[in-house]
N, C-alpha and C. Protein backbone atom coordinates (compact mmCIF):
# COMPACT_ATOMS: atom_id res chain seq x y z
N MET A 1 0.81 -1.14 0.11
CA MET A 1 0.31 -0.05 -0.09
C MET A 1 0.79 1.45 0.01
N TYR A 2 2.09 1.08 0.64
CA TYR A 2 2.68 2.24 0.99
C TYR A 2 3.49 2.77 -0.34
N ASP A 3 3.64 2.02 -1.49
CA ASP A 3 4.39 2.25 -2.52
C ASP A 3 3.67 3.08 -3.60
N HIS A 4 2.09 3.49 -3.28
CA HIS A 4 1.68 4.22 -4.41
C HIS A 4 1.69 5.80 -4.19
N ASP A 5 1.82 6.47 -5.04
CA ASP A 5 1.78 7.94 -5.20
C ASP A 5 0.76 8.59 -5.33
N VAL A 6 0.69 9.48 -4.28
CA VAL A 6 -0.88 10.14 -4.16
C VAL A 6 0.01 11.76 -3.70
N ASN A 7 -1.32 12.44 -4.06
CA ASN A 7 -1.47 13.70 -3.55
C ASN A 7 -2.26 14.31 -2.21
N ALA A 8 -1.86 15.29 -1.65
CA ALA A 8 -2.70 15.96 -0.68
C ALA A 8 -4.28 16.32 -1.36
N LEU A 9 -5.05 16.70 -0.79
CA LEU A 9 -5.99 17.27 -1.40
C LEU A 9 -5.61 18.58 -1.74
N ASP A 10 -4.85 19.27 -1.28
CA ASP A 10 -4.14 20.85 -1.72
C ASP A 10 -3.19 20.26 -3.13
N GLY A 11 -2.83 19.07 -3.70
CA GLY A 11 -2.37 18.88 -4.39
C GLY A 11 -0.51 18.58 -4.36
N SER A 12 -0.40 18.77 -3.29
CA SER A 12 1.09 18.75 -2.75
C SER A 12 1.24 17.22 -2.76
N PRO A 13 2.49 16.86 -3.09
CA PRO A 13 2.88 15.28 -2.94
C PRO A 13 2.74 15.03 -1.25
N ALA A 14 2.02 13.89 -1.33
CA ALA A 14 1.87 13.32 0.08
C ALA A 14 1.96 11.67 0.05
N GLY A 15 3.24 11.06 0.07
CA GLY A 15 3.34 9.89 0.17
C GLY A 15 2.42 9.02 1.19
N LEU A 16 2.25 7.61 0.76
CA LEU A 16 1.18 6.92 1.83
C LEU A 16 2.13 6.44 2.80
N HIS A 17 3.81 6.30 2.65
CA HIS A 17 4.56 5.83 3.51
C HIS A 17 4.52 6.69 4.90
N GLU A 18 3.68 7.88 5.02
CA GLU A 18 3.70 8.68 6.07
C GLU A 18 2.73 7.82 6.86
N LEU A 19 1.87 6.89 6.48
CA LEU A 19 1.12 6.20 7.40
C LEU A 19 1.59 4.63 7.64
N GLU A 20 2.62 4.47 7.26
CA GLU A 20 3.28 2.95 7.44
C GLU A 20 3.56 3.18 9.21
N GLY A 21 3.32 2.03 9.64
CA GLY A 21 3.17 1.43 10.87
C GLY A 21 1.88 2.01 11.59
N ARG A 22 0.86 2.45 11.18
CA ARG A 22 -0.16 2.78 11.54
C ARG A 22 -1.44 2.10 10.95
N ALA A 23 -2.28 1.66 11.98
CA ALA A 23 -3.76 1.14 11.39
C ALA A 23 -4.27 2.30 10.53
N THR A 24 -4.78 2.01 9.25
CA THR A 24 -5.37 3.06 8.50
C THR A 24 -6.91 2.67 7.93
N LEU A 25 -7.82 3.48 8.07
CA LEU A 25 -8.98 3.38 7.35
C LEU A 25 -9.00 3.92 6.18
N VAL A 26 -9.13 3.36 5.10
CA VAL A 26 -9.09 4.14 3.41
C VAL A 26 -10.50 4.05 3.17
N VAL A 27 -10.96 5.17 3.14
CA VAL A 27 -12.33 5.65 2.35
C VAL A 27 -12.63 6.48 1.35
N ASN A 28 -13.30 5.75 0.58
CA ASN A 28 -13.79 6.99 -0.59
C ASN A 28 -14.83 7.74 -0.28
N VAL A 29 -14.88 8.95 -0.24
CA VAL A 29 -15.72 9.75 0.58
C VAL A 29 -16.44 10.87 -0.73
N ALA A 30 -17.50 11.39 -0.12
CA ALA A 30 -18.06 12.09 -1.03
C ALA A 30 -19.20 13.57 -0.22
N SER A 31 -19.17 14.44 -0.72
CA SER A 31 -19.67 15.56 0.37
C SER A 31 -21.19 15.73 0.03
N GLN A 32 -21.74 15.25 -1.40
CA GLN A 32 -23.22 15.29 -1.52
C GLN A 32 -23.93 13.75 -1.72
N CYS A 33 -23.45 13.20 -0.70
CA CYS A 33 -24.12 11.76 -0.87
C CYS A 33 -25.22 11.43 0.55
N GLY A 34 -25.98 10.63 0.51
CA GLY A 34 -26.73 9.97 1.21
C GLY A 34 -26.00 9.74 2.59
N LEU A 35 -24.90 9.03 2.40
CA LEU A 35 -23.75 8.64 3.41
C LEU A 35 -22.87 9.61 4.12
N THR A 36 -23.09 10.86 3.57
CA THR A 36 -21.93 11.86 3.77
C THR A 36 -21.96 11.82 5.12
N PRO A 37 -22.93 12.02 5.90
CA PRO A 37 -23.08 11.74 7.69
C PRO A 37 -22.28 10.76 8.27
N GLN A 38 -21.73 10.11 7.39
CA GLN A 38 -20.78 9.13 7.86
C GLN A 38 -19.32 9.95 8.04
N TYR A 39 -19.23 11.04 7.74
CA TYR A 39 -17.75 11.64 8.31
C TYR A 39 -17.96 11.98 9.90
N GLU A 40 -19.12 12.32 10.32
CA GLU A 40 -19.14 12.29 11.86
C GLU A 40 -18.47 11.06 12.55
N GLY A 41 -18.79 9.95 12.04
CA GLY A 41 -18.37 8.86 12.84
C GLY A 41 -16.82 8.37 12.49
N LEU A 42 -16.38 8.77 11.07
CA LEU A 42 -15.16 8.66 10.77
C LEU A 42 -14.38 9.74 11.86
N GLU A 43 -14.83 11.00 11.94
CA GLU A 43 -14.23 11.90 12.65
C GLU A 43 -13.59 11.23 14.20
N ARG A 44 -15.04 10.70 14.63
CA ARG A 44 -14.77 10.04 16.02
C ARG A 44 -13.89 9.21 16.18
N LEU A 45 -13.81 8.25 15.15
CA LEU A 45 -12.89 7.23 15.01
C LEU A 45 -11.52 7.50 15.11
N GLN A 46 -11.14 8.65 14.54
CA GLN A 46 -10.10 9.27 14.34
C GLN A 46 -9.39 9.94 15.71
N GLN A 47 -10.63 10.68 16.36
CA GLN A 47 -10.40 11.06 17.62
C GLN A 47 -10.09 9.77 18.58
N THR A 48 -10.62 8.97 18.86
CA THR A 48 -10.74 7.78 19.60
C THR A 48 -9.21 7.04 19.63
N TYR A 49 -8.80 6.54 18.30
CA TYR A 49 -7.69 6.16 17.85
C TYR A 49 -6.44 6.44 17.58
N ALA A 50 -6.45 7.70 17.30
CA ALA A 50 -5.14 8.39 16.78
C ALA A 50 -4.07 8.33 17.55
N GLU A 51 -4.23 8.34 18.77
CA GLU A 51 -2.95 8.21 19.69
C GLU A 51 -2.72 7.18 19.89
N ARG A 52 -3.40 5.89 19.31
CA ARG A 52 -3.01 4.43 19.78
C ARG A 52 -2.53 3.96 18.39
N GLY A 53 -2.32 4.84 17.28
CA GLY A 53 -1.44 4.44 16.19
C GLY A 53 -2.52 4.26 15.03
N PHE A 54 -3.71 5.01 14.71
CA PHE A 54 -4.47 4.78 13.46
C PHE A 54 -4.82 6.02 13.04
N THR A 55 -5.17 6.07 11.73
CA THR A 55 -5.83 6.90 11.06
C THR A 55 -6.77 6.67 10.06
N VAL A 56 -7.74 7.63 9.87
CA VAL A 56 -8.50 7.42 8.55
C VAL A 56 -7.99 8.30 7.40
N ALA A 57 -8.01 7.78 6.39
CA ALA A 57 -7.67 8.29 5.11
C ALA A 57 -8.64 8.65 4.26
N GLY A 58 -9.03 9.76 3.83
CA GLY A 58 -10.09 10.24 3.05
C GLY A 58 -9.62 10.36 1.57
N PHE A 59 -10.38 9.87 0.77
CA PHE A 59 -9.92 9.71 -0.70
C PHE A 59 -11.35 10.35 -1.77
N PRO A 60 -11.53 11.56 -1.73
CA PRO A 60 -12.75 11.90 -2.55
C PRO A 60 -12.93 11.25 -3.67
N CYS A 61 -14.07 10.94 -4.42
CA CYS A 61 -14.21 10.37 -5.60
C CYS A 61 -15.61 11.08 -6.27
N ASN A 62 -15.67 11.19 -7.12
CA ASN A 62 -16.73 11.96 -8.01
C ASN A 62 -17.58 10.83 -8.92
N GLN A 63 -17.18 9.47 -9.00
CA GLN A 63 -17.90 8.63 -9.72
C GLN A 63 -19.15 8.07 -9.57
N PHE A 64 -19.74 8.20 -8.50
CA PHE A 64 -21.22 7.93 -8.09
C PHE A 64 -22.20 8.96 -8.21
N LEU A 65 -22.68 9.04 -9.40
CA LEU A 65 -23.87 10.21 -9.36
C LEU A 65 -23.18 11.77 -9.27
N GLY A 66 -22.16 11.83 -9.35
CA GLY A 66 -21.48 13.28 -9.50
C GLY A 66 -21.54 13.68 -8.10
N GLN A 67 -21.51 12.79 -7.01
CA GLN A 67 -21.65 13.18 -5.64
C GLN A 67 -20.49 14.09 -5.15
N GLU A 68 -19.45 14.09 -5.84
CA GLU A 68 -18.13 15.15 -5.00
C GLU A 68 -17.77 15.95 -6.36
N PRO A 69 -18.65 16.83 -6.50
CA PRO A 69 -18.31 17.87 -7.62
C PRO A 69 -17.10 18.78 -7.48
N GLY A 70 -17.04 19.12 -6.13
CA GLY A 70 -16.24 20.30 -5.66
C GLY A 70 -14.56 19.92 -6.05
N THR A 71 -14.36 21.71 -5.89
CA THR A 71 -12.59 21.39 -6.23
C THR A 71 -12.17 20.78 -4.79
N ALA A 72 -10.90 20.91 -4.96
CA ALA A 72 -10.13 20.72 -3.95
C ALA A 72 -10.35 21.44 -2.39
N ALA A 73 -10.33 23.06 -2.86
CA ALA A 73 -10.81 23.97 -1.77
C ALA A 73 -12.04 24.11 -1.03
N GLU A 74 -12.99 23.53 -1.97
CA GLU A 74 -14.54 23.18 -1.79
C GLU A 74 -14.62 22.06 -0.79
N ILE A 75 -14.00 21.01 -1.08
CA ILE A 75 -14.06 19.63 -0.39
C ILE A 75 -13.35 20.03 0.90
N GLN A 76 -12.20 20.57 0.95
CA GLN A 76 -11.48 21.03 2.10
C GLN A 76 -12.55 21.89 3.25
N THR A 77 -12.90 22.92 2.56
CA THR A 77 -13.68 23.69 3.51
C THR A 77 -15.01 22.98 4.02
N PHE A 78 -15.87 22.03 3.02
CA PHE A 78 -16.90 21.44 3.41
C PHE A 78 -16.70 20.46 4.37
N CYS A 79 -15.58 19.79 4.53
CA CYS A 79 -15.26 18.85 5.65
C CYS A 79 -14.83 19.41 6.76
N SER A 80 -13.82 20.58 6.64
CA SER A 80 -13.38 20.97 8.02
C SER A 80 -14.86 21.71 8.63
N THR A 81 -15.31 22.64 8.03
CA THR A 81 -16.50 23.49 8.62
C THR A 81 -17.72 22.28 8.87
N THR A 82 -18.05 21.56 8.11
CA THR A 82 -19.40 20.58 8.46
C THR A 82 -19.03 19.91 9.41
N TYR A 83 -18.00 19.31 9.33
CA TYR A 83 -17.68 17.88 10.05
C TYR A 83 -16.48 17.79 10.85
N GLY A 84 -15.76 19.01 10.99
CA GLY A 84 -14.57 19.03 11.80
C GLY A 84 -13.43 18.15 11.36
N VAL A 85 -13.24 17.54 10.15
CA VAL A 85 -12.44 16.49 9.79
C VAL A 85 -11.09 16.98 10.09
N SER A 86 -10.40 16.25 10.78
CA SER A 86 -8.88 16.54 11.12
C SER A 86 -7.91 15.44 10.70
N PHE A 87 -8.41 14.28 10.05
CA PHE A 87 -7.65 13.43 9.18
C PHE A 87 -7.37 13.68 7.91
N PRO A 88 -6.52 13.08 7.63
CA PRO A 88 -5.70 13.31 6.29
C PRO A 88 -6.44 12.97 5.02
N MET A 89 -6.45 14.08 4.08
CA MET A 89 -7.74 13.93 3.02
C MET A 89 -6.58 14.36 1.72
N PHE A 90 -6.96 13.08 0.74
CA PHE A 90 -6.04 12.97 -0.21
C PHE A 90 -6.63 13.61 -1.44
N GLU A 91 -6.22 13.81 -2.59
CA GLU A 91 -6.74 14.23 -3.97
C GLU A 91 -7.72 13.25 -4.63
N LYS A 92 -8.64 14.15 -5.29
CA LYS A 92 -9.83 13.06 -5.60
C LYS A 92 -9.27 11.99 -6.58
N VAL A 93 -9.71 11.18 -6.50
CA VAL A 93 -9.37 9.66 -7.15
C VAL A 93 -10.49 9.16 -8.16
N GLU A 94 -10.12 8.37 -9.06
CA GLU A 94 -11.15 7.49 -9.49
C GLU A 94 -11.12 6.04 -8.96
N VAL A 95 -12.02 5.44 -8.46
CA VAL A 95 -11.65 4.09 -7.70
C VAL A 95 -12.31 2.89 -8.59
N ASN A 96 -12.68 3.31 -9.59
CA ASN A 96 -13.08 1.86 -10.53
C ASN A 96 -12.66 2.48 -11.86
N GLY A 97 -13.03 1.31 -13.16
CA GLY A 97 -12.82 1.62 -14.41
C GLY A 97 -11.39 1.66 -14.80
N GLU A 98 -11.01 2.18 -16.10
CA GLU A 98 -9.86 2.26 -16.76
C GLU A 98 -8.94 3.27 -15.73
N ASP A 99 -9.24 4.29 -15.31
CA ASP A 99 -8.49 5.36 -14.59
C ASP A 99 -8.30 4.82 -13.33
N ARG A 100 -9.00 3.81 -12.66
CA ARG A 100 -8.56 3.54 -11.22
C ARG A 100 -7.20 3.79 -10.74
N HIS A 101 -7.36 4.47 -9.81
CA HIS A 101 -6.18 4.75 -8.75
C HIS A 101 -5.43 3.42 -8.68
N PRO A 102 -4.00 3.53 -8.97
CA PRO A 102 -3.42 1.86 -8.55
C PRO A 102 -3.57 1.72 -7.11
N LEU A 103 -3.98 2.56 -5.98
CA LEU A 103 -4.03 2.06 -4.69
C LEU A 103 -5.40 1.37 -4.69
N TYR A 104 -6.45 1.83 -5.07
CA TYR A 104 -7.73 1.05 -5.39
C TYR A 104 -7.69 -0.14 -6.19
N ALA A 105 -6.86 -0.17 -7.29
CA ALA A 105 -6.49 -1.38 -7.96
C ALA A 105 -6.17 -2.58 -7.05
N GLU A 106 -5.38 -2.18 -6.22
CA GLU A 106 -4.80 -3.29 -5.17
C GLU A 106 -5.96 -3.60 -3.88
N LEU A 107 -6.53 -2.29 -3.51
CA LEU A 107 -7.65 -2.46 -2.51
C LEU A 107 -8.84 -3.31 -3.04
N THR A 108 -9.07 -3.27 -4.11
CA THR A 108 -10.25 -4.10 -4.39
C THR A 108 -10.14 -5.59 -4.68
N GLN A 109 -8.93 -5.82 -4.95
CA GLN A 109 -8.84 -7.41 -4.73
C GLN A 109 -9.00 -8.20 -3.38
N THR A 110 -9.32 -7.39 -2.38
CA THR A 110 -9.76 -7.94 -1.27
C THR A 110 -11.26 -7.99 -1.07
N ALA A 111 -11.73 -9.02 -0.41
CA ALA A 111 -13.29 -9.34 -0.32
C ALA A 111 -13.53 -8.93 1.16
N ASP A 112 -14.80 -8.38 0.91
CA ASP A 112 -15.48 -7.95 2.30
C ASP A 112 -16.12 -9.55 2.92
N ALA A 113 -16.86 -9.15 4.65
CA ALA A 113 -17.27 -10.43 4.78
C ALA A 113 -18.17 -11.58 3.92
N GLU A 114 -18.91 -10.68 3.19
CA GLU A 114 -20.05 -11.25 2.20
C GLU A 114 -19.43 -11.76 1.15
N GLY A 115 -17.96 -11.57 0.92
CA GLY A 115 -17.42 -12.19 -0.04
C GLY A 115 -17.36 -11.07 -1.71
N HIS A 116 -17.86 -10.06 -1.37
CA HIS A 116 -17.74 -9.13 -2.47
C HIS A 116 -16.26 -8.42 -2.68
N ASP A 117 -15.75 -8.67 -3.85
CA ASP A 117 -14.53 -8.00 -3.97
C ASP A 117 -14.65 -7.23 -5.44
N GLY A 118 -13.56 -6.91 -5.98
CA GLY A 118 -13.79 -5.94 -7.36
C GLY A 118 -14.27 -4.49 -6.78
N ASP A 119 -15.07 -4.21 -7.88
CA ASP A 119 -15.07 -2.73 -8.05
C ASP A 119 -15.97 -2.39 -6.73
N ILE A 120 -15.75 -0.88 -6.39
CA ILE A 120 -16.32 -0.12 -5.16
C ILE A 120 -17.57 0.14 -5.71
N ARG A 121 -18.33 -0.32 -4.53
CA ARG A 121 -20.07 -0.21 -4.95
C ARG A 121 -20.72 1.20 -4.70
N TRP A 122 -20.11 1.74 -3.97
CA TRP A 122 -20.91 3.29 -3.77
C TRP A 122 -19.74 4.00 -2.77
N ASN A 123 -19.89 5.40 -2.71
CA ASN A 123 -19.26 6.07 -1.77
C ASN A 123 -19.07 5.29 -0.27
N PHE A 124 -18.02 5.70 0.52
CA PHE A 124 -17.97 5.22 1.96
C PHE A 124 -17.66 3.86 1.91
N GLU A 125 -17.37 3.15 0.80
CA GLU A 125 -16.59 1.70 1.34
C GLU A 125 -15.35 2.12 1.79
N LYS A 126 -15.15 1.12 2.80
CA LYS A 126 -13.74 1.30 3.62
C LYS A 126 -13.06 0.14 3.54
N PHE A 127 -11.90 0.27 3.92
CA PHE A 127 -10.61 -0.58 3.97
C PHE A 127 -9.79 -0.39 5.12
N LEU A 128 -9.49 -1.64 5.91
CA LEU A 128 -8.81 -1.30 7.16
C LEU A 128 -7.29 -1.89 6.77
N ILE A 129 -6.33 -1.26 6.77
CA ILE A 129 -5.06 -1.63 6.43
C ILE A 129 -4.18 -1.68 7.82
N GLY A 130 -3.64 -2.84 7.74
CA GLY A 130 -2.98 -3.08 9.15
C GLY A 130 -1.54 -2.09 9.20
N PRO A 131 -0.59 -2.01 10.25
CA PRO A 131 0.50 -1.19 10.20
C PRO A 131 1.31 -1.87 9.46
N ASP A 132 1.49 -2.88 8.88
CA ASP A 132 2.41 -3.75 7.92
C ASP A 132 1.93 -3.23 6.54
N GLY A 133 0.91 -2.58 6.39
CA GLY A 133 0.65 -2.26 4.76
C GLY A 133 -0.48 -3.41 4.23
N THR A 134 -0.70 -4.34 4.72
CA THR A 134 -1.65 -5.42 4.37
C THR A 134 -3.18 -5.00 4.58
N VAL A 135 -4.09 -5.20 3.61
CA VAL A 135 -5.25 -4.96 3.97
C VAL A 135 -5.88 -6.21 4.95
N ARG A 136 -6.67 -5.69 5.85
CA ARG A 136 -7.09 -6.55 6.93
C ARG A 136 -8.71 -7.13 6.70
N ALA A 137 -9.25 -5.91 6.40
CA ALA A 137 -10.79 -6.14 6.08
C ALA A 137 -11.62 -5.06 5.11
N ARG A 138 -12.24 -5.62 4.58
CA ARG A 138 -13.18 -4.61 3.96
C ARG A 138 -14.83 -4.26 4.27
N PHE A 139 -15.19 -3.06 4.14
CA PHE A 139 -16.68 -2.93 4.86
C PHE A 139 -17.19 -2.32 3.48
N ALA A 140 -18.84 -2.67 3.49
CA ALA A 140 -19.58 -2.16 2.61
C ALA A 140 -19.90 -0.55 3.03
N PRO A 141 -20.24 0.05 1.95
CA PRO A 141 -20.47 1.42 2.04
C PRO A 141 -21.41 1.70 3.14
N GLN A 142 -22.43 0.80 3.66
CA GLN A 142 -23.85 1.25 4.30
C GLN A 142 -23.10 1.07 5.74
N THR A 143 -21.94 0.09 5.90
CA THR A 143 -21.50 -0.01 7.51
C THR A 143 -20.94 1.18 7.89
N GLU A 144 -21.85 1.54 9.04
CA GLU A 144 -21.07 2.96 9.74
C GLU A 144 -19.89 2.64 10.09
N PRO A 145 -19.44 3.67 10.29
CA PRO A 145 -17.64 3.81 10.75
C PRO A 145 -17.60 3.33 12.17
N GLU A 146 -18.59 3.44 13.12
CA GLU A 146 -18.62 2.75 14.42
C GLU A 146 -19.34 1.51 14.70
N ASP A 147 -19.50 0.74 13.57
CA ASP A 147 -20.12 -0.35 13.96
C ASP A 147 -19.56 -1.51 14.65
N PRO A 148 -19.82 -1.90 15.54
CA PRO A 148 -19.04 -2.84 16.10
C PRO A 148 -17.81 -3.71 15.47
N GLN A 149 -18.27 -4.22 14.01
CA GLN A 149 -17.32 -4.99 13.60
C GLN A 149 -16.30 -4.25 12.90
N VAL A 150 -16.21 -2.94 12.78
CA VAL A 150 -15.38 -2.15 12.03
C VAL A 150 -14.11 -1.74 13.47
N THR A 151 -15.16 -1.35 14.58
CA THR A 151 -14.32 -1.03 15.76
C THR A 151 -13.24 -2.12 16.34
N ALA A 152 -13.90 -3.46 16.21
CA ALA A 152 -13.27 -4.56 16.76
C ALA A 152 -12.03 -4.68 15.75
N ALA A 153 -12.37 -4.66 14.39
CA ALA A 153 -11.25 -4.67 13.32
C ALA A 153 -10.03 -3.77 13.67
N ILE A 154 -10.71 -2.64 14.14
CA ILE A 154 -9.43 -1.39 14.06
C ILE A 154 -8.53 -1.80 15.44
N GLU A 155 -9.21 -2.21 16.62
CA GLU A 155 -8.69 -2.51 17.62
C GLU A 155 -7.60 -3.41 17.53
N ALA A 156 -8.03 -4.59 16.65
CA ALA A 156 -7.04 -5.79 16.66
C ALA A 156 -6.09 -5.43 15.51
N ALA A 157 -6.04 -4.59 14.66
CA ALA A 157 -4.82 -3.87 13.96
C ALA A 157 -4.02 -2.82 14.42
N LEU A 158 -4.33 -2.34 15.54
CA LEU A 158 -3.59 -1.18 16.12
C LEU A 158 -2.25 -1.93 16.62
N PRO A 159 -1.18 -0.99 16.16
CA PRO A 159 0.07 -1.35 16.20
C PRO A 159 0.72 -1.63 17.99
């Protein structure tokens, strides 16, 4: 996971290697989705577990009914003022199709508990990455960030 080139939301280079050694919940996010309120739970996870070696990593994506149309500045403002997001946000990426970001090409090889692998189904699909960079779990978009399955997996993955 740490070998993929990414940029921060503001466009500056931001290597995933900065997350190495931490448990990381990678989430494709969107500002105008029915699931957007999940930002609240994601931020609570960040606040709860950050000091124990955890972070959320948000990747905006506009591939699902155009629900993330904003510029980087608009996304940043929305996330910080509406939900107080303190976790790292990365550049807008494509998670499916020919232009799928290489990180998501790797992540989507992992199946969730129901056996779904392959394409991302919707905004807010979640992947838990262990401190060693391996995918530990995949969670469906409708799974709330603070669902007991998610928090148990995070606690088991903490360094």
